[in-house]
N, C-alpha and C. Protein backbone atom coordinates (compact mmCIF):
# COMPACT_ATOMS: atom_id res chain seq x y z
N MET A 1 0.82 -1.15 0.00
CA MET A 1 0.00 0.00 0.00
C MET A 1 0.89 1.23 0.00
N ALA A 2 0.51 2.24 -0.75
CA ALA A 2 1.33 3.43 -0.90
C ALA A 2 1.00 4.43 0.21
N ALA A 3 1.97 5.23 0.55
CA ALA A 3 1.79 6.25 1.59
C ALA A 3 0.88 7.35 1.05
N ARG A 4 0.06 7.81 1.90
CA ARG A 4 -0.89 8.84 1.50
C ARG A 4 -0.24 10.22 1.59
N ILE A 5 -0.39 11.02 0.58
CA ILE A 5 0.16 12.37 0.54
C ILE A 5 -0.96 13.33 0.94
N PRO A 6 -0.66 14.23 1.89
CA PRO A 6 -1.70 15.17 2.31
C PRO A 6 -2.19 16.03 1.14
N SER A 7 -3.47 16.32 1.14
CA SER A 7 -4.02 17.12 0.05
C SER A 7 -3.62 18.59 0.21
N ARG A 8 -3.60 19.28 -0.87
CA ARG A 8 -3.22 20.69 -0.85
C ARG A 8 -4.48 21.55 -1.08
N THR A 9 -4.52 22.68 -0.38
CA THR A 9 -5.60 23.63 -0.57
C THR A 9 -4.99 24.96 -0.97
N HIS A 10 -5.29 25.43 -2.14
CA HIS A 10 -4.79 26.70 -2.65
C HIS A 10 -3.28 26.79 -2.55
N GLY A 11 -2.60 25.77 -2.78
CA GLY A 11 -1.15 25.79 -2.82
C GLY A 11 -0.48 25.64 -1.47
N ARG A 12 -1.25 25.49 -0.39
CA ARG A 12 -0.65 25.32 0.94
C ARG A 12 -0.98 23.94 1.45
N PRO A 13 -0.08 23.39 2.22
CA PRO A 13 -0.39 22.08 2.80
C PRO A 13 -1.57 22.21 3.76
N ALA A 14 -2.45 21.23 3.82
CA ALA A 14 -3.64 21.24 4.68
C ALA A 14 -3.28 21.14 6.14
N SER A 15 -2.14 20.56 6.47
CA SER A 15 -1.78 20.34 7.87
C SER A 15 -1.21 21.59 8.53
N ARG A 16 -0.92 22.60 7.78
CA ARG A 16 -0.33 23.80 8.35
C ARG A 16 -1.38 24.57 9.16
N ALA A 17 -1.00 25.10 10.33
CA ALA A 17 -1.94 25.84 11.19
C ALA A 17 -2.32 27.16 10.53
N ARG A 18 -3.53 27.61 10.80
CA ARG A 18 -4.00 28.87 10.23
C ARG A 18 -3.14 30.01 10.75
N GLU A 19 -2.78 30.95 9.88
CA GLU A 19 -1.95 32.08 10.28
C GLU A 19 -2.75 33.02 11.16
N ARG A 20 -2.05 33.64 12.14
CA ARG A 20 -2.71 34.56 13.06
C ARG A 20 -2.64 35.97 12.52
N GLY A 21 -3.58 36.83 12.97
CA GLY A 21 -3.61 38.23 12.56
C GLY A 21 -5.04 38.72 12.41
N LEU A 22 -5.18 39.98 12.06
CA LEU A 22 -6.50 40.57 11.89
C LEU A 22 -6.81 40.74 10.41
N THR A 23 -8.04 40.53 10.11
CA THR A 23 -8.46 40.81 8.74
C THR A 23 -8.82 42.29 8.64
N LEU A 24 -8.96 42.79 7.47
CA LEU A 24 -9.32 44.19 7.26
C LEU A 24 -10.70 44.50 7.85
N VAL A 25 -11.61 43.57 7.77
CA VAL A 25 -12.97 43.76 8.32
C VAL A 25 -12.90 43.88 9.84
N GLU A 26 -12.12 43.01 10.48
CA GLU A 26 -11.99 43.07 11.94
C GLU A 26 -11.35 44.40 12.38
N LEU A 27 -10.34 44.83 11.68
CA LEU A 27 -9.66 46.08 12.00
C LEU A 27 -10.61 47.27 11.85
N MET A 28 -11.39 47.30 10.78
CA MET A 28 -12.34 48.38 10.56
C MET A 28 -13.43 48.39 11.63
N THR A 29 -13.87 47.22 12.07
CA THR A 29 -14.88 47.13 13.13
C THR A 29 -14.35 47.72 14.42
N VAL A 30 -13.13 47.41 14.78
CA VAL A 30 -12.51 47.96 16.00
C VAL A 30 -12.39 49.47 15.90
N LEU A 31 -11.98 49.99 14.76
CA LEU A 31 -11.84 51.43 14.59
C LEU A 31 -13.18 52.15 14.68
N VAL A 32 -14.23 51.57 14.11
CA VAL A 32 -15.55 52.18 14.18
C VAL A 32 -16.06 52.22 15.63
N VAL A 33 -15.88 51.14 16.37
CA VAL A 33 -16.30 51.09 17.78
C VAL A 33 -15.52 52.13 18.59
N ALA A 34 -14.21 52.25 18.35
CA ALA A 34 -13.39 53.23 19.07
C ALA A 34 -13.84 54.66 18.76
N ALA A 35 -14.18 54.93 17.51
CA ALA A 35 -14.64 56.26 17.12
C ALA A 35 -15.98 56.60 17.77
N ILE A 36 -16.87 55.65 17.86
CA ILE A 36 -18.16 55.87 18.52
C ILE A 36 -17.96 56.17 20.00
N LEU A 37 -17.12 55.42 20.66
CA LEU A 37 -16.85 55.66 22.09
C LEU A 37 -16.21 57.03 22.30
N ALA A 38 -15.30 57.42 21.44
CA ALA A 38 -14.67 58.73 21.55
C ALA A 38 -15.69 59.85 21.36
N ALA A 39 -16.61 59.69 20.43
CA ALA A 39 -17.64 60.70 20.18
C ALA A 39 -18.58 60.85 21.37
N ILE A 40 -18.83 59.76 22.06
CA ILE A 40 -19.69 59.80 23.25
C ILE A 40 -18.96 60.47 24.41
N ALA A 41 -17.67 60.20 24.57
CA ALA A 41 -16.90 60.71 25.71
C ALA A 41 -16.49 62.17 25.55
N LEU A 42 -16.39 62.68 24.36
CA LEU A 42 -15.87 64.02 24.13
C LEU A 42 -16.66 65.13 24.83
N PRO A 43 -17.99 65.18 24.77
CA PRO A 43 -18.70 66.25 25.48
C PRO A 43 -18.47 66.24 26.99
N SER A 44 -18.42 65.07 27.60
CA SER A 44 -18.19 65.04 29.04
C SER A 44 -16.77 65.46 29.37
N LEU A 45 -15.83 65.20 28.49
CA LEU A 45 -14.46 65.65 28.70
C LEU A 45 -14.39 67.17 28.65
N ALA A 46 -15.13 67.79 27.75
CA ALA A 46 -15.16 69.25 27.67
C ALA A 46 -15.72 69.84 28.96
N ASN A 47 -16.73 69.21 29.56
CA ASN A 47 -17.29 69.69 30.82
C ASN A 47 -16.30 69.53 31.97
N VAL A 48 -15.55 68.45 31.97
CA VAL A 48 -14.53 68.24 32.99
C VAL A 48 -13.47 69.32 32.89
N LEU A 49 -13.04 69.65 31.68
CA LEU A 49 -12.04 70.70 31.50
C LEU A 49 -12.58 72.06 31.93
N ALA A 50 -13.84 72.35 31.63
CA ALA A 50 -14.44 73.62 32.05
C ALA A 50 -14.51 73.70 33.58
N ALA A 51 -14.89 72.61 34.22
CA ALA A 51 -14.95 72.59 35.69
C ALA A 51 -13.56 72.80 36.29
N GLN A 52 -12.55 72.22 35.68
CA GLN A 52 -11.18 72.40 36.16
C GLN A 52 -10.73 73.86 36.00
N ARG A 53 -11.10 74.50 34.90
CA ARG A 53 -10.75 75.90 34.70
C ARG A 53 -11.41 76.80 35.75
N LEU A 54 -12.67 76.51 36.10
CA LEU A 54 -13.36 77.29 37.14
C LEU A 54 -12.67 77.13 38.48
N ARG A 55 -12.30 75.90 38.80
CA ARG A 55 -11.61 75.63 40.06
C ARG A 55 -10.25 76.36 40.09
N ALA A 56 -9.52 76.30 38.99
CA ALA A 56 -8.21 76.95 38.92
C ALA A 56 -8.35 78.47 39.01
N ALA A 57 -9.35 79.04 38.35
CA ALA A 57 -9.55 80.49 38.40
C ALA A 57 -9.86 80.94 39.82
N GLY A 58 -10.71 80.21 40.51
CA GLY A 58 -11.04 80.55 41.90
C GLY A 58 -9.82 80.46 42.80
N THR A 59 -9.05 79.41 42.64
CA THR A 59 -7.84 79.23 43.44
C THR A 59 -6.82 80.32 43.15
N ASP A 60 -6.66 80.66 41.87
CA ASP A 60 -5.72 81.73 41.50
C ASP A 60 -6.13 83.07 42.10
N LEU A 61 -7.43 83.37 42.09
CA LEU A 61 -7.88 84.64 42.66
C LEU A 61 -7.63 84.66 44.17
N VAL A 62 -7.94 83.57 44.85
CA VAL A 62 -7.70 83.52 46.30
C VAL A 62 -6.21 83.73 46.59
N THR A 63 -5.34 83.10 45.81
CA THR A 63 -3.90 83.27 46.00
C THR A 63 -3.50 84.73 45.80
N SER A 64 -4.01 85.37 44.75
CA SER A 64 -3.69 86.78 44.50
C SER A 64 -4.20 87.68 45.61
N LEU A 65 -5.39 87.38 46.13
CA LEU A 65 -5.94 88.19 47.22
C LEU A 65 -5.10 88.04 48.49
N LEU A 66 -4.63 86.84 48.76
CA LEU A 66 -3.77 86.64 49.93
C LEU A 66 -2.42 87.35 49.76
N VAL A 67 -1.89 87.36 48.55
CA VAL A 67 -0.65 88.10 48.27
C VAL A 67 -0.89 89.59 48.50
N ALA A 68 -2.00 90.11 48.00
CA ALA A 68 -2.31 91.53 48.16
C ALA A 68 -2.45 91.91 49.63
N ARG A 69 -3.15 91.09 50.38
CA ARG A 69 -3.34 91.37 51.81
C ARG A 69 -2.01 91.35 52.55
N SER A 70 -1.22 90.34 52.25
CA SER A 70 0.09 90.21 52.89
C SER A 70 1.00 91.40 52.58
N GLU A 71 1.03 91.82 51.31
CA GLU A 71 1.88 92.95 50.91
C GLU A 71 1.39 94.25 51.53
N ALA A 72 0.09 94.43 51.65
CA ALA A 72 -0.45 95.65 52.27
C ALA A 72 -0.02 95.74 53.74
N ILE A 73 -0.07 94.62 54.44
CA ILE A 73 0.34 94.61 55.85
C ILE A 73 1.85 94.80 55.96
N LYS A 74 2.60 94.09 55.14
CA LYS A 74 4.06 94.14 55.21
C LYS A 74 4.60 95.53 54.86
N ARG A 75 4.04 96.16 53.84
CA ARG A 75 4.54 97.46 53.37
C ARG A 75 3.83 98.65 54.02
N LYS A 76 2.83 98.33 54.86
CA LYS A 76 2.04 99.38 55.51
C LYS A 76 1.52 100.41 54.48
N GLY A 77 0.96 99.86 53.40
CA GLY A 77 0.43 100.71 52.34
C GLY A 77 -0.72 100.03 51.64
N ARG A 78 -1.40 100.77 50.79
CA ARG A 78 -2.56 100.23 50.07
C ARG A 78 -2.10 99.41 48.87
N VAL A 79 -2.77 98.28 48.66
CA VAL A 79 -2.48 97.38 47.53
C VAL A 79 -3.79 97.08 46.82
N GLU A 80 -3.75 97.17 45.48
CA GLU A 80 -4.95 96.99 44.66
C GLU A 80 -4.88 95.68 43.88
N VAL A 81 -6.03 95.03 43.81
CA VAL A 81 -6.22 93.88 42.92
C VAL A 81 -7.22 94.34 41.87
N ALA A 82 -6.77 94.34 40.60
CA ALA A 82 -7.62 94.88 39.53
C ALA A 82 -7.48 94.03 38.27
N PRO A 83 -8.51 94.02 37.42
CA PRO A 83 -8.41 93.26 36.17
C PRO A 83 -7.38 93.88 35.23
N GLN A 84 -6.81 93.04 34.35
CA GLN A 84 -5.83 93.53 33.38
C GLN A 84 -6.46 94.58 32.45
N SER A 85 -7.68 94.30 31.99
CA SER A 85 -8.44 95.26 31.19
C SER A 85 -9.54 95.81 32.10
N PRO A 86 -9.71 97.11 32.19
CA PRO A 86 -10.70 97.68 33.11
C PRO A 86 -12.08 97.04 32.98
N GLY A 87 -12.60 96.56 34.10
CA GLY A 87 -13.93 95.97 34.17
C GLY A 87 -14.06 94.55 33.64
N ASP A 88 -12.97 93.94 33.15
CA ASP A 88 -13.05 92.61 32.55
C ASP A 88 -12.12 91.64 33.29
N TRP A 89 -12.66 90.96 34.28
CA TRP A 89 -11.86 90.03 35.08
C TRP A 89 -11.48 88.79 34.28
N THR A 90 -12.16 88.52 33.15
CA THR A 90 -11.77 87.37 32.33
C THR A 90 -10.49 87.64 31.54
N SER A 91 -9.99 88.87 31.61
CA SER A 91 -8.71 89.20 30.95
C SER A 91 -7.52 88.91 31.85
N GLY A 92 -7.79 88.42 33.06
CA GLY A 92 -6.73 88.21 34.04
C GLY A 92 -6.72 89.37 35.02
N TRP A 93 -5.81 89.34 35.99
CA TRP A 93 -5.75 90.42 36.98
C TRP A 93 -4.32 90.60 37.47
N ARG A 94 -4.13 91.71 38.17
CA ARG A 94 -2.81 92.04 38.69
C ARG A 94 -2.95 92.54 40.12
N VAL A 95 -1.87 92.42 40.86
CA VAL A 95 -1.79 92.92 42.24
C VAL A 95 -0.65 93.93 42.26
N ALA A 96 -0.95 95.17 42.64
CA ALA A 96 0.07 96.22 42.62
C ALA A 96 -0.15 97.21 43.76
N ALA A 97 0.95 97.83 44.20
CA ALA A 97 0.87 98.88 45.21
C ALA A 97 0.18 100.09 44.60
N VAL A 98 -0.70 100.74 45.36
CA VAL A 98 -1.43 101.90 44.85
C VAL A 98 -0.48 103.08 44.68
N ALA A 99 0.39 103.33 45.64
CA ALA A 99 1.26 104.51 45.62
C ALA A 99 2.36 104.41 44.56
N THR A 100 3.01 103.25 44.47
CA THR A 100 4.19 103.13 43.58
C THR A 100 3.90 102.36 42.30
N GLU A 101 2.75 101.70 42.22
CA GLU A 101 2.38 100.84 41.10
C GLU A 101 3.32 99.65 40.92
N GLU A 102 4.09 99.34 41.97
CA GLU A 102 4.94 98.15 41.94
C GLU A 102 4.04 96.91 41.89
N GLN A 103 4.30 96.04 40.94
CA GLN A 103 3.46 94.86 40.75
C GLN A 103 4.00 93.68 41.55
N PHE A 104 3.10 93.00 42.30
CA PHE A 104 3.48 91.87 43.12
C PHE A 104 3.03 90.53 42.53
N ASP A 105 1.95 90.55 41.76
CA ASP A 105 1.41 89.32 41.19
C ASP A 105 0.64 89.68 39.93
N ARG A 106 0.61 88.72 39.00
CA ARG A 106 -0.14 88.91 37.75
C ARG A 106 -0.67 87.55 37.32
N ARG A 107 -1.93 87.50 36.93
CA ARG A 107 -2.55 86.25 36.47
C ARG A 107 -3.07 86.42 35.06
N ASP A 108 -2.85 85.39 34.25
CA ASP A 108 -3.33 85.37 32.87
C ASP A 108 -4.83 85.09 32.84
N PRO A 109 -5.48 85.29 31.69
CA PRO A 109 -6.91 84.98 31.58
C PRO A 109 -7.19 83.53 31.99
N PRO A 110 -8.32 83.31 32.65
CA PRO A 110 -8.63 81.97 33.15
C PRO A 110 -8.94 80.93 32.08
N GLY A 111 -9.25 81.32 30.85
CA GLY A 111 -9.45 80.35 29.78
C GLY A 111 -10.87 80.31 29.25
N LEU A 112 -11.07 79.37 28.32
CA LEU A 112 -12.36 79.23 27.65
C LEU A 112 -13.46 78.85 28.62
N ARG A 113 -14.64 79.31 28.33
CA ARG A 113 -15.87 78.98 29.04
C ARG A 113 -15.90 79.50 30.48
N VAL A 114 -14.99 80.38 30.88
CA VAL A 114 -15.00 80.94 32.23
C VAL A 114 -15.57 82.35 32.17
N ALA A 115 -16.63 82.57 32.93
CA ALA A 115 -17.24 83.90 33.03
C ALA A 115 -17.18 84.33 34.49
N VAL A 116 -17.11 85.63 34.72
CA VAL A 116 -17.01 86.18 36.07
C VAL A 116 -18.22 87.08 36.31
N ALA A 117 -18.88 86.88 37.44
CA ALA A 117 -20.04 87.69 37.81
C ALA A 117 -19.83 88.25 39.21
N LEU A 118 -20.58 89.27 39.54
CA LEU A 118 -20.61 89.91 40.86
C LEU A 118 -19.31 90.61 41.23
N ALA A 119 -18.36 90.69 40.32
CA ALA A 119 -17.04 91.24 40.63
C ALA A 119 -17.07 92.76 40.66
N PRO A 120 -16.36 93.36 41.62
CA PRO A 120 -16.26 94.82 41.65
C PRO A 120 -15.26 95.30 40.58
N GLU A 121 -15.18 96.61 40.37
CA GLU A 121 -14.21 97.17 39.42
C GLU A 121 -12.79 96.81 39.84
N SER A 122 -12.51 96.90 41.13
CA SER A 122 -11.21 96.52 41.70
C SER A 122 -11.38 96.39 43.20
N LEU A 123 -10.35 95.84 43.84
CA LEU A 123 -10.33 95.71 45.31
C LEU A 123 -9.08 96.41 45.82
N VAL A 124 -9.21 97.10 46.95
CA VAL A 124 -8.04 97.74 47.56
C VAL A 124 -7.94 97.27 49.00
N TYR A 125 -6.75 96.76 49.33
CA TYR A 125 -6.45 96.37 50.71
C TYR A 125 -5.76 97.54 51.39
N GLU A 126 -6.23 97.86 52.59
CA GLU A 126 -5.63 98.93 53.39
C GLU A 126 -4.38 98.40 54.09
N ARG A 127 -3.64 99.29 54.72
CA ARG A 127 -2.39 98.91 55.39
C ARG A 127 -2.57 97.92 56.53
N ASN A 128 -3.80 97.82 57.08
CA ASN A 128 -4.07 96.85 58.15
C ASN A 128 -4.56 95.50 57.61
N GLY A 129 -4.63 95.33 56.29
CA GLY A 129 -5.05 94.07 55.68
C GLY A 129 -6.55 93.95 55.47
N ARG A 130 -7.28 94.99 55.80
CA ARG A 130 -8.73 94.99 55.59
C ARG A 130 -9.05 95.60 54.23
N LEU A 131 -10.22 95.23 53.72
CA LEU A 131 -10.67 95.82 52.45
C LEU A 131 -11.13 97.25 52.65
N ALA A 132 -10.81 98.10 51.69
CA ALA A 132 -11.35 99.46 51.69
C ALA A 132 -12.83 99.33 51.35
N GLY A 133 -13.66 100.03 52.07
CA GLY A 133 -15.11 99.91 51.87
C GLY A 133 -15.67 98.84 52.79
N ALA A 134 -16.91 98.96 53.08
CA ALA A 134 -17.53 98.05 54.04
C ALA A 134 -18.23 96.90 53.32
N GLY A 135 -18.46 95.86 54.06
CA GLY A 135 -19.25 94.75 53.55
C GLY A 135 -18.45 93.61 52.97
N VAL A 136 -19.19 92.60 52.55
CA VAL A 136 -18.62 91.39 51.97
C VAL A 136 -18.56 91.56 50.45
N THR A 137 -17.46 91.13 49.86
CA THR A 137 -17.30 91.19 48.42
C THR A 137 -17.27 89.77 47.86
N GLN A 138 -17.89 89.57 46.69
CA GLN A 138 -17.93 88.23 46.10
C GLN A 138 -17.56 88.27 44.62
N PHE A 139 -16.96 87.17 44.19
CA PHE A 139 -16.68 86.90 42.78
C PHE A 139 -17.29 85.55 42.48
N GLU A 140 -18.00 85.43 41.37
CA GLU A 140 -18.53 84.13 40.98
C GLU A 140 -17.94 83.75 39.62
N PHE A 141 -17.29 82.60 39.59
CA PHE A 141 -16.77 82.04 38.35
C PHE A 141 -17.75 80.97 37.91
N HIS A 142 -18.32 81.12 36.71
CA HIS A 142 -19.26 80.12 36.21
C HIS A 142 -18.98 79.82 34.74
N ASP A 143 -19.53 78.70 34.30
CA ASP A 143 -19.40 78.25 32.92
C ASP A 143 -20.26 79.16 32.04
N ASP A 144 -19.64 79.80 31.05
CA ASP A 144 -20.43 80.71 30.21
C ASP A 144 -21.41 79.98 29.30
N GLU A 145 -21.28 78.65 29.17
CA GLU A 145 -22.25 77.87 28.40
C GLU A 145 -23.34 77.29 29.29
N ARG A 146 -23.18 77.44 30.60
CA ARG A 146 -24.17 76.96 31.60
C ARG A 146 -24.53 75.49 31.41
N GLN A 147 -23.53 74.66 31.16
CA GLN A 147 -23.76 73.23 30.98
C GLN A 147 -24.04 72.57 32.33
N PRO A 148 -24.97 71.61 32.38
CA PRO A 148 -25.22 70.91 33.64
C PRO A 148 -23.99 70.08 34.02
N GLY A 149 -23.74 70.00 35.30
CA GLY A 149 -22.60 69.23 35.79
C GLY A 149 -21.34 70.06 35.94
N VAL A 150 -21.35 71.32 35.49
CA VAL A 150 -20.20 72.21 35.67
C VAL A 150 -20.59 73.22 36.74
N GLU A 151 -20.13 72.97 37.95
CA GLU A 151 -20.55 73.77 39.09
C GLU A 151 -19.71 75.04 39.24
N ALA A 152 -20.38 76.14 39.52
CA ALA A 152 -19.72 77.43 39.69
C ALA A 152 -18.83 77.42 40.94
N ARG A 153 -17.97 78.43 41.04
CA ARG A 153 -17.11 78.64 42.22
C ARG A 153 -17.34 80.06 42.71
N CYS A 154 -17.42 80.23 44.02
CA CYS A 154 -17.67 81.52 44.63
C CYS A 154 -16.49 81.88 45.54
N VAL A 155 -15.91 83.04 45.29
CA VAL A 155 -14.86 83.57 46.17
C VAL A 155 -15.51 84.69 46.97
N THR A 156 -15.50 84.54 48.30
CA THR A 156 -16.08 85.52 49.20
C THR A 156 -14.96 86.13 50.02
N ILE A 157 -14.92 87.47 50.08
CA ILE A 157 -13.93 88.17 50.87
C ILE A 157 -14.67 88.91 51.99
N ASP A 158 -14.38 88.52 53.22
CA ASP A 158 -15.06 89.18 54.34
C ASP A 158 -14.42 90.53 54.60
N PRO A 159 -15.03 91.38 55.43
CA PRO A 159 -14.49 92.73 55.68
C PRO A 159 -13.06 92.72 56.25
N SER A 160 -12.66 91.65 56.89
CA SER A 160 -11.29 91.58 57.42
C SER A 160 -10.28 91.34 56.31
N GLY A 161 -10.75 91.03 55.09
CA GLY A 161 -9.87 90.85 53.95
C GLY A 161 -9.51 89.42 53.63
N LEU A 162 -10.01 88.46 54.41
CA LEU A 162 -9.69 87.05 54.16
C LEU A 162 -10.62 86.46 53.11
N PRO A 163 -10.05 85.89 52.04
CA PRO A 163 -10.88 85.27 51.01
C PRO A 163 -11.17 83.80 51.33
N LYS A 164 -12.29 83.34 50.79
CA LYS A 164 -12.67 81.93 50.96
C LYS A 164 -13.29 81.46 49.65
N LEU A 165 -12.86 80.28 49.19
CA LEU A 165 -13.38 79.70 47.95
C LEU A 165 -14.37 78.60 48.29
N GLU A 166 -15.55 78.68 47.68
CA GLU A 166 -16.59 77.68 47.91
C GLU A 166 -17.11 77.15 46.58
N LYS A 167 -17.53 75.90 46.60
CA LYS A 167 -18.12 75.28 45.43
C LYS A 167 -19.58 75.71 45.37
N GLY A 168 -20.03 76.05 44.16
CA GLY A 168 -21.41 76.48 43.98
C GLY A 168 -21.51 77.97 43.74
N ALA A 169 -22.68 78.39 43.32
CA ALA A 169 -22.92 79.80 43.02
C ALA A 169 -22.93 80.61 44.31
N CYS A 170 -22.62 81.89 44.19
CA CYS A 170 -22.64 82.79 45.35
C CYS A 170 -24.07 83.01 45.82
N ARG A 171 -24.23 83.20 47.08
CA ARG A 171 -25.57 83.45 47.66
C ARG A 171 -25.72 84.89 48.05
């Protein structure tokens, strides 16, 4: 009896294991699924970034206010915190001595989707570290698109000049 020769399929021996890898259809399916997931996640990522910008803007303002208060006490003189462009706190702000205009701190614009409400034209710290003028002063940083899930930040400065950052809109 003669030895049996394995049959050939399309020029390859039948006993050879199937080659591993992805077909073009499988690759395209994976890419389509990845694109759909990315499209779903993108809007929530934009809201996360907006919320982070609000938090950073509030923290930056509190830091600048503490620098202004500290410099006013240390130099026994008035120190002003004012927007870079008059009346527009979204342009950033600066901290400078009123008498000499020596600048102690400067902050760049807070970024996209950040709006500022309730803000005064400027703030002046007296030589004792208290705010010039009576009463409580507030700044509200909120999302200018008012998207749900992006919570505002409120910076409240009491008459003693101490700032406090809180989550949520100002009351």
